[in-house]
Amino acid sequence: MRAYPIVHIIDPRDRRDVLLSVSMIDPALVEAFVGEVAHELAALLGINREAAAPLVEIDQRGSIALPVPSEFELAPQARRQMAVDVARALRFALGAQAVAA
């Protein structure tokens, strides 16, 4: 068994709110995944990645590990698609505020 953290995507407007949670991200790749989400969000908003990065916040405090059989792994292209989906959900959740950023 492998253990993957549950990564909570935090609403940057109110850090007490979780917009969505994802898993199956290798613990060593969580920061890279956040960078991928920032890249995709920047593309959606038409801004540079540095401007989008503060909009992508995560929290893993109190996160439980999700046990998964060791033969299962999230393929790199699936992780990239997850980053695209998270960026779209984040863009939708931020609404007009994101457009004004």
Foldseek 3Di string as FASTA:
>chain_A
DDWWWWKFWAALVDRVDTLDIDILQHPVCPVVLLLLLLCLLCVVLVHDSVVSSSRTDIDRVVTGIDDDPPVDHQDPVNSSVVSNVVSVSSCVVCDPVSNVD
